[in-house]
């Protein structure tokens, strides 16, 4: 199995974690068919996330938020921070998978224990408090440098 054939880890807001194929179709399935975007979570890991998770009432993904140190809503798919030279998604490191899986399992235990006593611990984004996007003006040279990561 090549590194590109290695699976990715999908994590639901309730802490359920599962391996998915490292493919566009696998990522879409891991995100419950949502349109997606990428966020950098650490120097070695990133997440594909629901592009509109904060706007569509998705639940806070506590495990992913803890991993990334920022609020992330809805399901996520863990992958490497960088792509290969051809722009293909790389799987996360084994240590990132173990860490994310542990966070997911701990959160899933909290969710299940809360449900046993009739509690709902889910948190949803308030679309009214989402800040507007920031417009960053760039000339053509600056934009080209940004595209090339310089």
C-alpha atoms as a PDB file:
ATOM      1  CA  UNK A   1       0.000   0.000   0.000  1.00  0.00           C
ATOM      2  CA  UNK A   2       1.432   3.399  -0.954  1.00  0.00           C
ATOM      3  CA  UNK A   3       1.067   6.376   1.334  1.00  0.00           C
ATOM      4  CA  UNK A   4      -1.645   7.805  -0.960  1.00  0.00           C
ATOM      5  CA  UNK A   5      -3.610   4.574  -0.532  1.00  0.00           C
ATOM      6  CA  UNK A   6      -3.580   4.931   3.273  1.00  0.00           C
ATOM      7  CA  UNK A   7      -6.964   5.863   4.729  1.00  0.00           C
ATOM      8  CA  UNK A   8      -7.969   9.145   6.329  1.00  0.00           C
ATOM      9  CA  UNK A   9      -9.785   9.518   9.662  1.00  0.00           C
ATOM     10  CA  UNK A  10     -13.315  10.966   9.674  1.00  0.00           C
ATOM     11  CA  UNK A  11     -14.661  12.216  13.011  1.00  0.00           C
ATOM     12  CA  UNK A  12     -18.281  13.187  13.685  1.00  0.00           C
ATOM     13  CA  UNK A  13     -19.269  15.810  16.263  1.00  0.00           C
ATOM     14  CA  UNK A  14     -20.464  13.016  18.592  1.00  0.00           C
ATOM     15  CA  UNK A  15     -16.938  11.545  18.655  1.00  0.00           C
ATOM     16  CA  UNK A  16     -17.571   8.663  16.284  1.00  0.00           C
ATOM     17  CA  UNK A  17     -14.356   8.030  14.334  1.00  0.00           C
ATOM     18  CA  UNK A  18     -13.926   5.862  11.254  1.00  0.00           C
ATOM     19  CA  UNK A  19     -11.364   5.278   8.539  1.00  0.00           C
ATOM     20  CA  UNK A  20     -12.347   6.383   5.050  1.00  0.00           C
ATOM     21  CA  UNK A  21     -10.684   6.051   1.647  1.00  0.00           C
ATOM     22  CA  UNK A  22      -8.195   8.755   0.702  1.00  0.00           C
ATOM     23  CA  UNK A  23     -10.223   9.952  -2.273  1.00  0.00           C
ATOM     24  CA  UNK A  24     -12.573  12.779  -3.169  1.00  0.00           C
ATOM     25  CA  UNK A  25     -15.515  10.402  -2.729  1.00  0.00           C
ATOM     26  CA  UNK A  26     -14.172   9.213   0.642  1.00  0.00           C
ATOM     27  CA  UNK A  27     -13.725  12.764   1.894  1.00  0.00           C
ATOM     28  CA  UNK A  28     -17.233  13.731   0.716  1.00  0.00           C
ATOM     29  CA  UNK A  29     -18.672  10.684   2.511  1.00  0.00           C
ATOM     30  CA  UNK A  30     -16.690  11.510   5.663  1.00  0.00           C
ATOM     31  CA  UNK A  31     -18.161  15.007   5.610  1.00  0.00           C
ATOM     32  CA  UNK A  32     -21.697  13.718   5.030  1.00  0.00           C
ATOM     33  CA  UNK A  33     -21.696  15.076   1.450  1.00  0.00           C
ATOM     34  CA  UNK A  34     -21.050  18.689   2.521  1.00  0.00           C
ATOM     35  CA  UNK A  35     -19.083  21.128   0.388  1.00  0.00           C
ATOM     36  CA  UNK A  36     -15.705  21.293   2.015  1.00  0.00           C
ATOM     37  CA  UNK A  37     -12.723  23.439   2.755  1.00  0.00           C
ATOM     38  CA  UNK A  38      -9.335  22.805   4.369  1.00  0.00           C
ATOM     39  CA  UNK A  39      -7.999  24.203   7.638  1.00  0.00           C
ATOM     40  CA  UNK A  40      -4.517  23.773   9.025  1.00  0.00           C
ATOM     41  CA  UNK A  41      -4.747  22.199  12.484  1.00  0.00           C
ATOM     42  CA  UNK A  42      -1.064  21.811  13.388  1.00  0.00           C
ATOM     43  CA  UNK A  43       2.303  21.819  11.634  1.00  0.00           C
ATOM     44  CA  UNK A  44       1.705  18.178  10.612  1.00  0.00           C
ATOM     45  CA  UNK A  45      -2.084  17.896  10.286  1.00  0.00           C
ATOM     46  CA  UNK A  46      -5.081  19.523   8.689  1.00  0.00           C
ATOM     47  CA  UNK A  47      -8.809  18.934   8.470  1.00  0.00           C
ATOM     48  CA  UNK A  48     -11.252  18.936   5.631  1.00  0.00           C
ATOM     49  CA  UNK A  49     -14.323  20.593   7.159  1.00  0.00           C
ATOM     50  CA  UNK A  50     -17.899  21.434   6.201  1.00  0.00           C
ATOM     51  CA  UNK A  51     -17.479  24.757   4.367  1.00  0.00           C
ATOM     52  CA  UNK A  52     -20.708  26.074   5.910  1.00  0.00           C
ATOM     53  CA  UNK A  53     -20.603  24.306   9.276  1.00  0.00           C
ATOM     54  CA  UNK A  54     -20.884  27.570  11.211  1.00  0.00           C
ATOM     55  CA  UNK A  55     -23.790  28.751   9.072  1.00  0.00           C
ATOM     56  CA  UNK A  56     -25.929  25.619   8.760  1.00  0.00           C
ATOM     57  CA  UNK A  57     -26.422  24.789  12.431  1.00  0.00           C
ATOM     58  CA  UNK A  58     -23.812  22.033  12.607  1.00  0.00           C
ATOM     59  CA  UNK A  59     -22.747  20.844  16.041  1.00  0.00           C
ATOM     60  CA  UNK A  60     -19.392  21.839  17.521  1.00  0.00           C
ATOM     61  CA  UNK A  61     -16.892  19.050  16.916  1.00  0.00           C
ATOM     62  CA  UNK A  62     -15.255  19.130  20.349  1.00  0.00           C
ATOM     63  CA  UNK A  63     -12.570  16.528  19.562  1.00  0.00           C
ATOM     64  CA  UNK A  64     -11.475  18.298  16.354  1.00  0.00           C
ATOM     65  CA  UNK A  65     -11.675  21.695  18.064  1.00  0.00           C
ATOM     66  CA  UNK A  66      -9.377  20.470  20.828  1.00  0.00           C
ATOM     67  CA  UNK A  67      -6.924  19.116  18.237  1.00  0.00           C
ATOM     68  CA  UNK A  68      -6.929  22.346  16.206  1.00  0.00           C
ATOM     69  CA  UNK A  69      -7.271  24.802  19.137  1.00  0.00           C
ATOM     70  CA  UNK A  70     -10.147  26.547  17.371  1.00  0.00           C
ATOM     71  CA  UNK A  71     -13.874  25.882  17.030  1.00  0.00           C
ATOM     72  CA  UNK A  72     -14.781  23.534  14.175  1.00  0.00           C
ATOM     73  CA  UNK A  73     -18.373  22.601  13.412  1.00  0.00           C
ATOM     74  CA  UNK A  74     -19.716  19.416  11.869  1.00  0.00           C
ATOM     75  CA  UNK A  75     -17.806  16.346  10.754  1.00  0.00           C
ATOM     76  CA  UNK A  76     -14.121  16.581   9.876  1.00  0.00           C
ATOM     77  CA  UNK A  77     -11.603  14.484   7.971  1.00  0.00           C
ATOM     78  CA  UNK A  78      -8.057  14.403   9.337  1.00  0.00           C
ATOM     79  CA  UNK A  79      -5.200  14.436   6.814  1.00  0.00           C
ATOM     80  CA  UNK A  80      -1.620  15.664   6.523  1.00  0.00           C
ATOM     81  CA  UNK A  81      -0.925  19.391   6.667  1.00  0.00           C
ATOM     82  CA  UNK A  82       0.620  19.427   3.192  1.00  0.00           C
ATOM     83  CA  UNK A  83      -0.136  17.671  -0.082  1.00  0.00           C
ATOM     84  CA  UNK A  84       2.353  15.746  -2.174  1.00  0.00           C
ATOM     85  CA  UNK A  85       4.110  17.399  -5.145  1.00  0.00           C
ATOM     86  CA  UNK A  86       1.108  16.623  -7.374  1.00  0.00           C
ATOM     87  CA  UNK A  87      -1.380  18.243  -4.986  1.00  0.00           C
ATOM     88  CA  UNK A  88      -2.752  14.912  -3.734  1.00  0.00           C
ATOM     89  CA  UNK A  89      -4.001  14.599  -0.161  1.00  0.00           C
ATOM     90  CA  UNK A  90      -1.626  12.716   2.103  1.00  0.00           C
ATOM     91  CA  UNK A  91      -2.770  10.726   5.128  1.00  0.00           C
ATOM     92  CA  UNK A  92      -2.035  12.023   8.620  1.00  0.00           C
ATOM     93  CA  UNK A  93       0.898  10.758  10.660  1.00  0.00           C
ATOM     94  CA  UNK A  94       0.307   7.768  12.918  1.00  0.00           C
ATOM     95  CA  UNK A  95       0.778   9.965  15.993  1.00  0.00           C
ATOM     96  CA  UNK A  96      -1.821  12.482  14.729  1.00  0.00           C
ATOM     97  CA  UNK A  97      -4.278   9.624  14.087  1.00  0.00           C
ATOM     98  CA  UNK A  98      -3.707   8.201  17.581  1.00  0.00           C
ATOM     99  CA  UNK A  99      -4.131  11.628  19.192  1.00  0.00           C
ATOM    100  CA  UNK A 100      -7.288  12.460  17.223  1.00  0.00           C
ATOM    101  CA  UNK A 101      -8.764   9.001  17.846  1.00  0.00           C
ATOM    102  CA  UNK A 102      -8.113   9.377  21.589  1.00  0.00           C
ATOM    103  CA  UNK A 103      -9.774  12.813  21.689  1.00  0.00           C
ATOM    104  CA  UNK A 104     -12.731  11.430  19.724  1.00  0.00           C
ATOM    105  CA  UNK A 105     -13.104   8.424  22.049  1.00  0.00           C
ATOM    106  CA  UNK A 106     -12.987  10.633  25.156  1.00  0.00           C
ATOM    107  CA  UNK A 107     -15.604  12.988  23.726  1.00  0.00           C
ATOM    108  CA  UNK A 108     -17.797  10.082  22.600  1.00  0.00           C
ATOM    109  CA  UNK A 109     -17.744   8.765  26.192  1.00  0.00           C
ATOM    110  CA  UNK A 110     -18.866  12.182  27.468  1.00  0.00           C
ATOM    111  CA  UNK A 111     -21.685  12.337  24.882  1.00  0.00           C
ATOM    112  CA  UNK A 112     -22.869   8.808  25.739  1.00  0.00           C
ATOM    113  CA  UNK A 113     -22.694   9.394  29.507  1.00  0.00           C
ATOM    114  CA  UNK A 114     -24.626  12.639  29.138  1.00  0.00           C
ATOM    115  CA  UNK A 115     -27.297  10.912  27.041  1.00  0.00           C
ATOM    116  CA  UNK A 116     -27.709   8.239  29.726  1.00  0.00           C
ATOM    117  CA  UNK A 117     -28.824  10.911  32.194  1.00  0.00           C
ATOM    118  CA  UNK A 118     -30.943  12.813  29.678  1.00  0.00           C
ATOM    119  CA  UNK A 119     -28.482  15.593  28.887  1.00  0.00           C
ATOM    120  CA  UNK A 120     -27.536  17.059  25.504  1.00  0.00           C
ATOM    121  CA  UNK A 121     -24.020  18.491  25.472  1.00  0.00           C
ATOM    122  CA  UNK A 122     -24.072  19.669  21.862  1.00  0.00           C
ATOM    123  CA  UNK A 123     -23.231  23.278  21.022  1.00  0.00           C
ATOM    124  CA  UNK A 124     -24.152  24.969  17.762  1.00  0.00           C
ATOM    125  CA  UNK A 125     -22.704  28.076  16.157  1.00  0.00           C
ATOM    126  CA  UNK A 126     -24.736  31.242  16.243  1.00  0.00           C
ATOM    127  CA  UNK A 127     -24.662  32.514  12.638  1.00  0.00           C
ATOM    128  CA  UNK A 128     -25.519  36.022  13.898  1.00  0.00           C
ATOM    129  CA  UNK A 129     -22.169  36.283  15.700  1.00  0.00           C
ATOM    130  CA  UNK A 130     -19.932  35.102  12.869  1.00  0.00           C
ATOM    131  CA  UNK A 131     -17.631  37.962  11.895  1.00  0.00           C
ATOM    132  CA  UNK A 132     -17.755  39.135   8.305  1.00  0.00           C
ATOM    133  CA  UNK A 133     -14.924  38.077   6.014  1.00  0.00           C
ATOM    134  CA  UNK A 134     -11.841  40.256   5.919  1.00  0.00           C
ATOM    135  CA  UNK A 135     -10.951  41.652   2.517  1.00  0.00           C
ATOM    136  CA  UNK A 136      -7.201  41.800   1.944  1.00  0.00           C
ATOM    137  CA  UNK A 137      -6.292  43.997  -1.014  1.00  0.00           C
ATOM    138  CA  UNK A 138      -3.410  42.687  -3.170  1.00  0.00           C
ATOM    139  CA  UNK A 139      -1.859  43.785  -6.386  1.00  0.00           C
ATOM    140  CA  UNK A 140      -1.161  41.209  -9.104  1.00  0.00           C
ATOM    141  CA  UNK A 141       2.403  40.469  -7.917  1.00  0.00           C
ATOM    142  CA  UNK A 142       1.293  40.023  -4.298  1.00  0.00           C
ATOM    143  CA  UNK A 143      -1.549  37.737  -5.396  1.00  0.00           C
ATOM    144  CA  UNK A 144       0.820  35.604  -7.489  1.00  0.00           C
ATOM    145  CA  UNK A 145       3.231  35.354  -4.544  1.00  0.00           C
ATOM    146  CA  UNK A 146       0.331  34.341  -2.264  1.00  0.00           C
ATOM    147  CA  UNK A 147      -0.747  31.636  -4.725  1.00  0.00           C
ATOM    148  CA  UNK A 148       2.781  30.257  -4.759  1.00  0.00           C
ATOM    149  CA  UNK A 149       3.045  30.333  -0.956  1.00  0.00           C
ATOM    150  CA  UNK A 150       5.775  32.949  -0.808  1.00  0.00           C
END
